[in-house]
Amino acid sequence: MAPTTGEGGSTGGVAFSPDKAQRFLYISDLTNNCIWFLNREDGEVVGKMGSAVQNGGQFFGLHMIAVDSKGNIYTGEVQNGERVQRFLPAKWEI
């Protein structure tokens, strides 16, 4: 995912998009504190969200990720973050 990732690796958790075909894979990156969005068909990165900051909407110790049937993304943080956040999907078309 991220060639410059340091010790500890990058994947904390994995989730699939809620569409019937599950076209996208969402990966929570523990070390780089972001979510990667990949096209499952070809493995290409189609987006990235977040950075290492403790403000709302950012991450500090991003570990787990889940997606519900409405496309809401839930994240759980460890280390100093120690919180759960929910992100509502934006309306966009592919």
PDB file of N, CA and C in Angstrom:
ATOM      1  N   MET A   1       0.815  -1.197   0.000  1.00  0.00           N
ATOM      2  CA  MET A   1       0.000   0.000   0.000  1.00  0.00           C
ATOM      3  C   MET A   1       0.856   1.258   0.000  1.00  0.00           C
ATOM      4  N   ALA A   2       1.660   1.380   1.019  1.00  0.00           N
ATOM      5  CA  ALA A   2       2.476   2.585   1.156  1.00  0.00           C
ATOM      6  C   ALA A   2       3.931   2.131   1.318  1.00  0.00           C
ATOM      7  N   PRO A   3       4.724   2.211   0.253  1.00  0.00           N
ATOM      8  CA  PRO A   3       6.100   1.695   0.283  1.00  0.00           C
ATOM      9  C   PRO A   3       6.982   2.282   1.371  1.00  0.00           C
ATOM     10  N   THR A   4       6.687   3.478   1.849  1.00  0.00           N
ATOM     11  CA  THR A   4       7.529   4.105   2.865  1.00  0.00           C
ATOM     12  C   THR A   4       7.039   3.835   4.288  1.00  0.00           C
ATOM     13  N   THR A   5       6.080   2.915   4.442  1.00  0.00           N
ATOM     14  CA  THR A   5       5.556   2.598   5.765  1.00  0.00           C
ATOM     15  C   THR A   5       6.664   2.041   6.651  1.00  0.00           C
ATOM     16  N   GLY A   6       6.721   2.549   7.863  1.00  0.00           N
ATOM     17  CA  GLY A   6       7.752   2.112   8.799  1.00  0.00           C
ATOM     18  C   GLY A   6       7.393   0.830   9.511  1.00  0.00           C
ATOM     19  N   GLU A   7       8.066   0.600  10.607  1.00  0.00           N
ATOM     20  CA  GLU A   7       7.883  -0.600  11.405  1.00  0.00           C
ATOM     21  C   GLU A   7       6.443  -0.716  11.885  1.00  0.00           C
ATOM     22  N   GLY A   8       5.911  -1.902  11.893  1.00  0.00           N
ATOM     23  CA  GLY A   8       4.556  -2.123  12.367  1.00  0.00           C
ATOM     24  C   GLY A   8       3.570  -2.415  11.255  1.00  0.00           C
ATOM     25  N   GLY A   9       3.989  -2.239  10.007  1.00  0.00           N
ATOM     26  CA  GLY A   9       3.083  -2.522   8.901  1.00  0.00           C
ATOM     27  C   GLY A   9       2.012  -1.475   8.730  1.00  0.00           C
ATOM     28  N   SER A  10       1.084  -1.740   7.844  1.00  0.00           N
ATOM     29  CA  SER A  10       0.089  -0.705   7.575  1.00  0.00           C
ATOM     30  C   SER A  10      -1.353  -1.133   7.771  1.00  0.00           C
ATOM     31  N   THR A  11      -1.696  -2.380   7.573  1.00  0.00           N
ATOM     32  CA  THR A  11      -3.106  -2.744   7.616  1.00  0.00           C
ATOM     33  C   THR A  11      -3.572  -3.067   9.023  1.00  0.00           C
ATOM     34  N   GLY A  12      -4.577  -2.313   9.470  1.00  0.00           N
ATOM     35  CA  GLY A  12      -5.202  -2.592  10.748  1.00  0.00           C
ATOM     36  C   GLY A  12      -6.479  -3.382  10.563  1.00  0.00           C
ATOM     37  N   GLY A  13      -7.233  -3.047   9.521  1.00  0.00           N
ATOM     38  CA  GLY A  13      -8.490  -3.719   9.243  1.00  0.00           C
ATOM     39  C   GLY A  13      -8.886  -3.545   7.793  1.00  0.00           C
ATOM     40  N   VAL A  14      -9.850  -4.358   7.369  1.00  0.00           N
ATOM     41  CA  VAL A  14     -10.318  -4.348   5.992  1.00  0.00           C
ATOM     42  C   VAL A  14     -11.840  -4.408   5.988  1.00  0.00           C
ATOM     43  N   ALA A  15     -12.468  -3.656   5.081  1.00  0.00           N
ATOM     44  CA  ALA A  15     -13.924  -3.697   4.920  1.00  0.00           C
ATOM     45  C   ALA A  15     -14.245  -3.582   3.440  1.00  0.00           C
ATOM     46  N   PHE A  16     -15.465  -3.956   3.082  1.00  0.00           N
ATOM     47  CA  PHE A  16     -15.907  -3.884   1.698  1.00  0.00           C
ATOM     48  C   PHE A  16     -16.999  -2.843   1.546  1.00  0.00           C
ATOM     49  N   SER A  17     -17.088  -2.260   0.364  1.00  0.00           N
ATOM     50  CA  SER A  17     -18.145  -1.284   0.101  1.00  0.00           C
ATOM     51  C   SER A  17     -19.498  -1.991   0.152  1.00  0.00           C
ATOM     52  N   PRO A  18     -20.567  -1.257   0.490  1.00  0.00           N
ATOM     53  CA  PRO A  18     -21.866  -1.878   0.704  1.00  0.00           C
ATOM     54  C   PRO A  18     -22.648  -2.213  -0.569  1.00  0.00           C
ATOM     55  N   ASP A  19     -22.149  -1.831  -1.744  1.00  0.00           N
ATOM     56  CA  ASP A  19     -22.875  -2.157  -2.969  1.00  0.00           C
ATOM     57  C   ASP A  19     -22.877  -3.672  -3.184  1.00  0.00           C
ATOM     58  N   LYS A  20     -23.830  -4.157  -3.964  1.00  0.00           N
ATOM     59  CA  LYS A  20     -24.000  -5.596  -4.157  1.00  0.00           C
ATOM     60  C   LYS A  20     -22.724  -6.272  -4.665  1.00  0.00           C
ATOM     61  N   ALA A  21     -22.015  -5.620  -5.571  1.00  0.00           N
ATOM     62  CA  ALA A  21     -20.786  -6.192  -6.134  1.00  0.00           C
ATOM     63  C   ALA A  21     -19.569  -6.005  -5.225  1.00  0.00           C
ATOM     64  N   GLN A  22     -19.718  -5.212  -4.179  1.00  0.00           N
ATOM     65  CA  GLN A  22     -18.604  -4.890  -3.275  1.00  0.00           C
ATOM     66  C   GLN A  22     -17.369  -4.488  -4.092  1.00  0.00           C
ATOM     67  N   ARG A  23     -17.544  -3.458  -4.907  1.00  0.00           N
ATOM     68  CA  ARG A  23     -16.507  -3.028  -5.847  1.00  0.00           C
ATOM     69  C   ARG A  23     -15.272  -2.447  -5.195  1.00  0.00           C
ATOM     70  N   PHE A  24     -15.409  -1.967  -3.945  1.00  0.00           N
ATOM     71  CA  PHE A  24     -14.279  -1.295  -3.314  1.00  0.00           C
ATOM     72  C   PHE A  24     -13.873  -1.967  -2.013  1.00  0.00           C
ATOM     73  N   LEU A  25     -12.582  -1.919  -1.754  1.00  0.00           N
ATOM     74  CA  LEU A  25     -12.000  -2.434  -0.528  1.00  0.00           C
ATOM     75  C   LEU A  25     -11.508  -1.233   0.266  1.00  0.00           C
ATOM     76  N   TYR A  26     -11.867  -1.168   1.544  1.00  0.00           N
ATOM     77  CA  TYR A  26     -11.441  -0.079   2.421  1.00  0.00           C
ATOM     78  C   TYR A  26     -10.414  -0.656   3.393  1.00  0.00           C
ATOM     79  N   ILE A  27      -9.254  -0.063   3.470  1.00  0.00           N
ATOM     80  CA  ILE A  27      -8.187  -0.552   4.340  1.00  0.00           C
ATOM     81  C   ILE A  27      -7.811   0.528   5.346  1.00  0.00           C
ATOM     82  N   SER A  28      -7.893   0.198   6.640  1.00  0.00           N
ATOM     83  CA  SER A  28      -7.433   1.129   7.673  1.00  0.00           C
ATOM     84  C   SER A  28      -5.935   0.914   7.853  1.00  0.00           C
ATOM     85  N   ASP A  29      -5.185   1.986   7.744  1.00  0.00           N
ATOM     86  CA  ASP A  29      -3.722   1.950   7.789  1.00  0.00           C
ATOM     87  C   ASP A  29      -3.265   2.447   9.158  1.00  0.00           C
ATOM     88  N   LEU A  30      -2.858   1.520  10.004  1.00  0.00           N
ATOM     89  CA  LEU A  30      -2.482   1.823  11.389  1.00  0.00           C
ATOM     90  C   LEU A  30      -1.274   2.746  11.490  1.00  0.00           C
ATOM     91  N   THR A  31      -0.254   2.511  10.700  1.00  0.00           N
ATOM     92  CA  THR A  31       0.981   3.282  10.806  1.00  0.00           C
ATOM     93  C   THR A  31       0.869   4.658  10.165  1.00  0.00           C
ATOM     94  N   ASN A  32       0.196   4.734   9.017  1.00  0.00           N
ATOM     95  CA  ASN A  32       0.085   6.002   8.295  1.00  0.00           C
ATOM     96  C   ASN A  32      -1.192   6.784   8.634  1.00  0.00           C
ATOM     97  N   ASN A  33      -2.041   6.208   9.494  1.00  0.00           N
ATOM     98  CA  ASN A  33      -3.250   6.873   9.984  1.00  0.00           C
ATOM     99  C   ASN A  33      -4.121   7.430   8.861  1.00  0.00           C
ATOM    100  N   CYS A  34      -4.514   6.535   7.968  1.00  0.00           N
ATOM    101  CA  CYS A  34      -5.413   6.928   6.887  1.00  0.00           C
ATOM    102  C   CYS A  34      -6.228   5.713   6.456  1.00  0.00           C
ATOM    103  N   ILE A  35      -7.253   5.968   5.653  1.00  0.00           N
ATOM    104  CA  ILE A  35      -8.028   4.902   5.034  1.00  0.00           C
ATOM    105  C   ILE A  35      -7.716   4.921   3.548  1.00  0.00           C
ATOM    106  N   TRP A  36      -7.382   3.768   3.005  1.00  0.00           N
ATOM    107  CA  TRP A  36      -7.146   3.620   1.577  1.00  0.00           C
ATOM    108  C   TRP A  36      -8.405   3.028   0.949  1.00  0.00           C
ATOM    109  N   PHE A  37      -8.785   3.519  -0.220  1.00  0.00           N
ATOM    110  CA  PHE A  37      -9.916   2.991  -0.959  1.00  0.00           C
ATOM    111  C   PHE A  37      -9.374   2.373  -2.247  1.00  0.00           C
ATOM    112  N   LEU A  38      -9.610   1.082  -2.445  1.00  0.00           N
ATOM    113  CA  LEU A  38      -9.092   0.370  -3.612  1.00  0.00           C
ATOM    114  C   LEU A  38     -10.223  -0.180  -4.465  1.00  0.00           C
ATOM    115  N   ASN A  39     -10.010  -0.178  -5.757  1.00  0.00           N
ATOM    116  CA  ASN A  39     -10.900  -0.842  -6.688  1.00  0.00           C
ATOM    117  C   ASN A  39     -10.559  -2.321  -6.599  1.00  0.00           C
ATOM    118  N   ARG A  40     -11.515  -3.165  -6.241  1.00  0.00           N
ATOM    119  CA  ARG A  40     -11.214  -4.592  -6.063  1.00  0.00           C
ATOM    120  C   ARG A  40     -10.858  -5.282  -7.365  1.00  0.00           C
ATOM    121  N   GLU A  41     -11.374  -4.782  -8.467  1.00  0.00           N
ATOM    122  CA  GLU A  41     -11.139  -5.440  -9.752  1.00  0.00           C
ATOM    123  C   GLU A  41      -9.666  -5.413 -10.165  1.00  0.00           C
ATOM    124  N   ASP A  42      -9.020  -4.267  -9.969  1.00  0.00           N
ATOM    125  CA  ASP A  42      -7.629  -4.158 -10.413  1.00  0.00           C
ATOM    126  C   ASP A  42      -6.640  -3.806  -9.301  1.00  0.00           C
ATOM    127  N   GLY A  43      -7.129  -3.587  -8.074  1.00  0.00           N
ATOM    128  CA  GLY A  43      -6.252  -3.283  -6.951  1.00  0.00           C
ATOM    129  C   GLY A  43      -5.726  -1.864  -6.925  1.00  0.00           C
ATOM    130  N   GLU A  44      -6.189  -1.020  -7.838  1.00  0.00           N
ATOM    131  CA  GLU A  44      -5.717   0.362  -7.904  1.00  0.00           C
ATOM    132  C   GLU A  44      -6.309   1.206  -6.771  1.00  0.00           C
ATOM    133  N   VAL A  45      -5.492   2.085  -6.238  1.00  0.00           N
ATOM    134  CA  VAL A  45      -5.960   3.027  -5.213  1.00  0.00           C
ATOM    135  C   VAL A  45      -6.829   4.081  -5.902  1.00  0.00           C
ATOM    136  N   VAL A  46      -8.065   4.243  -5.411  1.00  0.00           N
ATOM    137  CA  VAL A  46      -8.966   5.248  -5.983  1.00  0.00           C
ATOM    138  C   VAL A  46      -9.177   6.423  -5.033  1.00  0.00           C
ATOM    139  N   GLY A  47      -8.684   6.305  -3.807  1.00  0.00           N
ATOM    140  CA  GLY A  47      -8.816   7.405  -2.866  1.00  0.00           C
ATOM    141  C   GLY A  47      -8.121   7.119  -1.551  1.00  0.00           C
ATOM    142  N   LYS A  48      -7.998   8.166  -0.762  1.00  0.00           N
ATOM    143  CA  LYS A  48      -7.344   8.083   0.543  1.00  0.00           C
ATOM    144  C   LYS A  48      -8.001   9.131   1.428  1.00  0.00           C
ATOM    145  N   MET A  49      -8.148   8.826   2.716  1.00  0.00           N
ATOM    146  CA  MET A  49      -8.779   9.767   3.637  1.00  0.00           C
ATOM    147  C   MET A  49      -8.019   9.763   4.955  1.00  0.00           C
ATOM    148  N   GLY A  50      -7.758  10.956   5.488  1.00  0.00           N
ATOM    149  CA  GLY A  50      -7.188  11.079   6.817  1.00  0.00           C
ATOM    150  C   GLY A  50      -5.695  11.315   6.852  1.00  0.00           C
ATOM    151  N   SER A  51      -5.246  11.678   8.054  1.00  0.00           N
ATOM    152  CA  SER A  51      -3.832  11.869   8.340  1.00  0.00           C
ATOM    153  C   SER A  51      -3.651  11.771   9.848  1.00  0.00           C
ATOM    154  N   ALA A  52      -2.415  11.807  10.300  1.00  0.00           N
ATOM    155  CA  ALA A  52      -2.102  11.599  11.708  1.00  0.00           C
ATOM    156  C   ALA A  52      -2.270  12.879  12.524  1.00  0.00           C
ATOM    157  N   VAL A  53      -3.487  13.163  12.918  1.00  0.00           N
ATOM    158  CA  VAL A  53      -3.820  14.308  13.770  1.00  0.00           C
ATOM    159  C   VAL A  53      -4.942  13.846  14.695  1.00  0.00           C
ATOM    160  N   GLN A  54      -5.050  14.384  15.878  1.00  0.00           N
ATOM    161  CA  GLN A  54      -6.089  13.948  16.803  1.00  0.00           C
ATOM    162  C   GLN A  54      -7.402  14.716  16.667  1.00  0.00           C
ATOM    163  N   ASN A  55      -7.541  15.564  15.678  1.00  0.00           N
ATOM    164  CA  ASN A  55      -8.797  16.287  15.462  1.00  0.00           C
ATOM    165  C   ASN A  55      -9.862  15.340  14.923  1.00  0.00           C
ATOM    166  N   GLY A  56     -11.122  15.732  15.058  1.00  0.00           N
ATOM    167  CA  GLY A  56     -12.205  14.962  14.478  1.00  0.00           C
ATOM    168  C   GLY A  56     -11.998  14.805  12.986  1.00  0.00           C
ATOM    169  N   GLY A  57     -12.250  13.621  12.480  1.00  0.00           N
ATOM    170  CA  GLY A  57     -12.076  13.364  11.064  1.00  0.00           C
ATOM    171  C   GLY A  57     -10.671  12.955  10.682  1.00  0.00           C
ATOM    172  N   GLN A  58      -9.766  12.990  11.621  1.00  0.00           N
ATOM    173  CA  GLN A  58      -8.388  12.552  11.405  1.00  0.00           C
ATOM    174  C   GLN A  58      -8.151  11.354  12.323  1.00  0.00           C
ATOM    175  N   PHE A  59      -6.964  10.806  12.300  1.00  0.00           N
ATOM    176  CA  PHE A  59      -6.725   9.586  13.067  1.00  0.00           C
ATOM    177  C   PHE A  59      -5.426   9.637  13.857  1.00  0.00           C
ATOM    178  N   PHE A  60      -5.443   8.917  14.981  1.00  0.00           N
ATOM    179  CA  PHE A  60      -4.230   8.728  15.771  1.00  0.00           C
ATOM    180  C   PHE A  60      -4.291   7.307  16.323  1.00  0.00           C
ATOM    181  N   GLY A  61      -3.632   6.392  15.647  1.00  0.00           N
ATOM    182  CA  GLY A  61      -3.697   4.980  16.035  1.00  0.00           C
ATOM    183  C   GLY A  61      -4.868   4.269  15.381  1.00  0.00           C
ATOM    184  N   LEU A  62      -5.193   4.651  14.145  1.00  0.00           N
ATOM    185  CA  LEU A  62      -6.298   4.014  13.416  1.00  0.00           C
ATOM    186  C   LEU A  62      -6.067   2.519  13.343  1.00  0.00           C
ATOM    187  N   HIS A  63      -7.069   1.758  13.773  1.00  0.00           N
ATOM    188  CA  HIS A  63      -6.897   0.315  13.788  1.00  0.00           C
ATOM    189  C   HIS A  63      -8.012  -0.383  13.022  1.00  0.00           C
ATOM    190  N   MET A  64      -9.215  -0.342  13.525  1.00  0.00           N
ATOM    191  CA  MET A  64     -10.312  -1.113  12.939  1.00  0.00           C
ATOM    192  C   MET A  64     -11.187  -0.257  12.038  1.00  0.00           C
ATOM    193  N   ILE A  65     -11.855  -0.933  11.110  1.00  0.00           N
ATOM    194  CA  ILE A  65     -12.761  -0.272  10.183  1.00  0.00           C
ATOM    195  C   ILE A  65     -13.942  -1.203   9.911  1.00  0.00           C
ATOM    196  N   ALA A  66     -15.121  -0.603   9.786  1.00  0.00           N
ATOM    197  CA  ALA A  66     -16.324  -1.349   9.420  1.00  0.00           C
ATOM    198  C   ALA A  66     -17.185  -0.429   8.566  1.00  0.00           C
ATOM    199  N   VAL A  67     -18.000  -1.027   7.716  1.00  0.00           N
ATOM    200  CA  VAL A  67     -18.899  -0.272   6.853  1.00  0.00           C
ATOM    201  C   VAL A  67     -20.277  -0.913   6.962  1.00  0.00           C
ATOM    202  N   ASP A  68     -21.309  -0.087   7.180  1.00  0.00           N
ATOM    203  CA  ASP A  68     -22.664  -0.641   7.251  1.00  0.00           C
ATOM    204  C   ASP A  68     -23.342  -0.608   5.877  1.00  0.00           C
ATOM    205  N   SER A  69     -24.566  -1.083   5.817  1.00  0.00           N
ATOM    206  CA  SER A  69     -25.283  -1.204   4.546  1.00  0.00           C
ATOM    207  C   SER A  69     -25.606   0.139   3.897  1.00  0.00           C
ATOM    208  N   LYS A  70     -25.540   1.224   4.662  1.00  0.00           N
ATOM    209  CA  LYS A  70     -25.804   2.565   4.125  1.00  0.00           C
ATOM    210  C   LYS A  70     -24.524   3.264   3.663  1.00  0.00           C
ATOM    211  N   GLY A  71     -23.382   2.620   3.866  1.00  0.00           N
ATOM    212  CA  GLY A  71     -22.107   3.210   3.457  1.00  0.00           C
ATOM    213  C   GLY A  71     -21.426   4.036   4.536  1.00  0.00           C
ATOM    214  N   ASN A  72     -21.988   4.071   5.745  1.00  0.00           N
ATOM    215  CA  ASN A  72     -21.321   4.753   6.846  1.00  0.00           C
ATOM    216  C   ASN A  72     -20.053   3.978   7.203  1.00  0.00           C
ATOM    217  N   ILE A  73     -18.978   4.708   7.427  1.00  0.00           N
ATOM    218  CA  ILE A  73     -17.712   4.079   7.794  1.00  0.00           C
ATOM    219  C   ILE A  73     -17.477   4.321   9.280  1.00  0.00           C
ATOM    220  N   TYR A  74     -17.140   3.262   9.996  1.00  0.00           N
ATOM    221  CA  TYR A  74     -16.843   3.343  11.422  1.00  0.00           C
ATOM    222  C   TYR A  74     -15.384   2.971  11.622  1.00  0.00           C
ATOM    223  N   THR A  75     -14.675   3.776  12.405  1.00  0.00           N
ATOM    224  CA  THR A  75     -13.271   3.492  12.673  1.00  0.00           C
ATOM    225  C   THR A  75     -13.032   3.434  14.178  1.00  0.00           C
ATOM    226  N   GLY A  76     -12.083   2.626  14.564  1.00  0.00           N
ATOM    227  CA  GLY A  76     -11.673   2.529  15.954  1.00  0.00           C
ATOM    228  C   GLY A  76     -10.194   2.799  16.063  1.00  0.00           C
ATOM    229  N   GLU A  77      -9.805   3.600  17.054  1.00  0.00           N
ATOM    230  CA  GLU A  77      -8.404   3.961  17.239  1.00  0.00           C
ATOM    231  C   GLU A  77      -7.855   3.366  18.528  1.00  0.00           C
ATOM    232  N   VAL A  78      -6.576   3.050  18.499  1.00  0.00           N
ATOM    233  CA  VAL A  78      -5.863   2.541  19.666  1.00  0.00           C
ATOM    234  C   VAL A  78      -4.767   3.532  20.007  1.00  0.00           C
ATOM    235  N   GLN A  79      -3.851   3.147  20.836  1.00  0.00           N
ATOM    236  CA  GLN A  79      -2.772   4.020  21.296  1.00  0.00           C
ATOM    237  C   GLN A  79      -3.390   5.258  21.950  1.00  0.00           C
ATOM    238  N   ASN A  80      -2.946   6.449  21.601  1.00  0.00           N
ATOM    239  CA  ASN A  80      -3.464   7.664  22.238  1.00  0.00           C
ATOM    240  C   ASN A  80      -4.799   8.125  21.680  1.00  0.00           C
ATOM    241  N   GLY A  81      -5.205   7.605  20.513  1.00  0.00           N
ATOM    242  CA  GLY A  81      -6.472   8.016  19.916  1.00  0.00           C
ATOM    243  C   GLY A  81      -7.659   7.569  20.750  1.00  0.00           C
ATOM    244  N   GLU A  82      -7.744   6.268  21.005  1.00  0.00           N
ATOM    245  CA  GLU A  82      -8.751   5.652  21.868  1.00  0.00           C
ATOM    246  C   GLU A  82     -10.156   6.209  21.653  1.00  0.00           C
ATOM    247  N   ARG A  83     -10.636   6.162  20.428  1.00  0.00           N
ATOM    248  CA  ARG A  83     -11.988   6.638  20.151  1.00  0.00           C
ATOM    249  C   ARG A  83     -12.551   5.898  18.950  1.00  0.00           C
ATOM    250  N   VAL A  84     -13.853   6.068  18.769  1.00  0.00           N
ATOM    251  CA  VAL A  84     -14.559   5.546  17.611  1.00  0.00           C
ATOM    252  C   VAL A  84     -15.118   6.750  16.864  1.00  0.00           C
ATOM    253  N   GLN A  85     -15.032   6.716  15.531  1.00  0.00           N
ATOM    254  CA  GLN A  85     -15.605   7.789  14.716  1.00  0.00           C
ATOM    255  C   GLN A  85     -16.516   7.176  13.661  1.00  0.00           C
ATOM    256  N   ARG A  86     -17.512   7.965  13.241  1.00  0.00           N
ATOM    257  CA  ARG A  86     -18.400   7.559  12.158  1.00  0.00           C
ATOM    258  C   ARG A  86     -18.318   8.604  11.061  1.00  0.00           C
ATOM    259  N   PHE A  87     -18.218   8.136   9.825  1.00  0.00           N
ATOM    260  CA  PHE A  87     -18.168   9.016   8.662  1.00  0.00           C
ATOM    261  C   PHE A  87     -19.339   8.688   7.745  1.00  0.00           C
ATOM    262  N   LEU A  88     -20.091   9.716   7.394  1.00  0.00           N
ATOM    263  CA  LEU A  88     -21.226   9.541   6.499  1.00  0.00           C
ATOM    264  C   LEU A  88     -20.764   9.635   5.058  1.00  0.00           C
ATOM    265  N   PRO A  89     -21.336   8.837   4.164  1.00  0.00           N
ATOM    266  CA  PRO A  89     -20.893   8.883   2.772  1.00  0.00           C
ATOM    267  C   PRO A  89     -21.302  10.171   2.078  1.00  0.00           C
ATOM    268  N   ALA A  90     -20.428  10.653   1.221  1.00  0.00           N
ATOM    269  CA  ALA A  90     -20.755  11.803   0.382  1.00  0.00           C
ATOM    270  C   ALA A  90     -21.489  11.278  -0.840  1.00  0.00           C
ATOM    271  N   LYS A  91     -22.331  12.096  -1.401  1.00  0.00           N
ATOM    272  CA  LYS A  91     -23.038  11.678  -2.612  1.00  0.00           C
ATOM    273  C   LYS A  91     -22.170  11.977  -3.809  1.00  0.00           C
ATOM    274  N   TRP A  92     -21.720  10.915  -4.466  1.00  0.00           N
ATOM    275  CA  TRP A  92     -20.886  11.044  -5.649  1.00  0.00           C
ATOM    276  C   TRP A  92     -21.129   9.838  -6.541  1.00  0.00           C
ATOM    277  N   GLU A  93     -20.806   9.981  -7.772  1.00  0.00           N
ATOM    278  CA  GLU A  93     -20.994   8.896  -8.738  1.00  0.00           C
ATOM    279  C   GLU A  93     -19.673   8.518  -9.351  1.00  0.00           C
ATOM    280  N   ILE A  94     -19.584   7.253  -9.691  1.00  0.00           N
ATOM    281  CA  ILE A  94     -18.362   6.744 -10.307  1.00  0.00           C
ATOM    282  C   ILE A  94     -18.603   6.546 -11.789  1.00  0.00           C
TER     283      ILE A  94
END
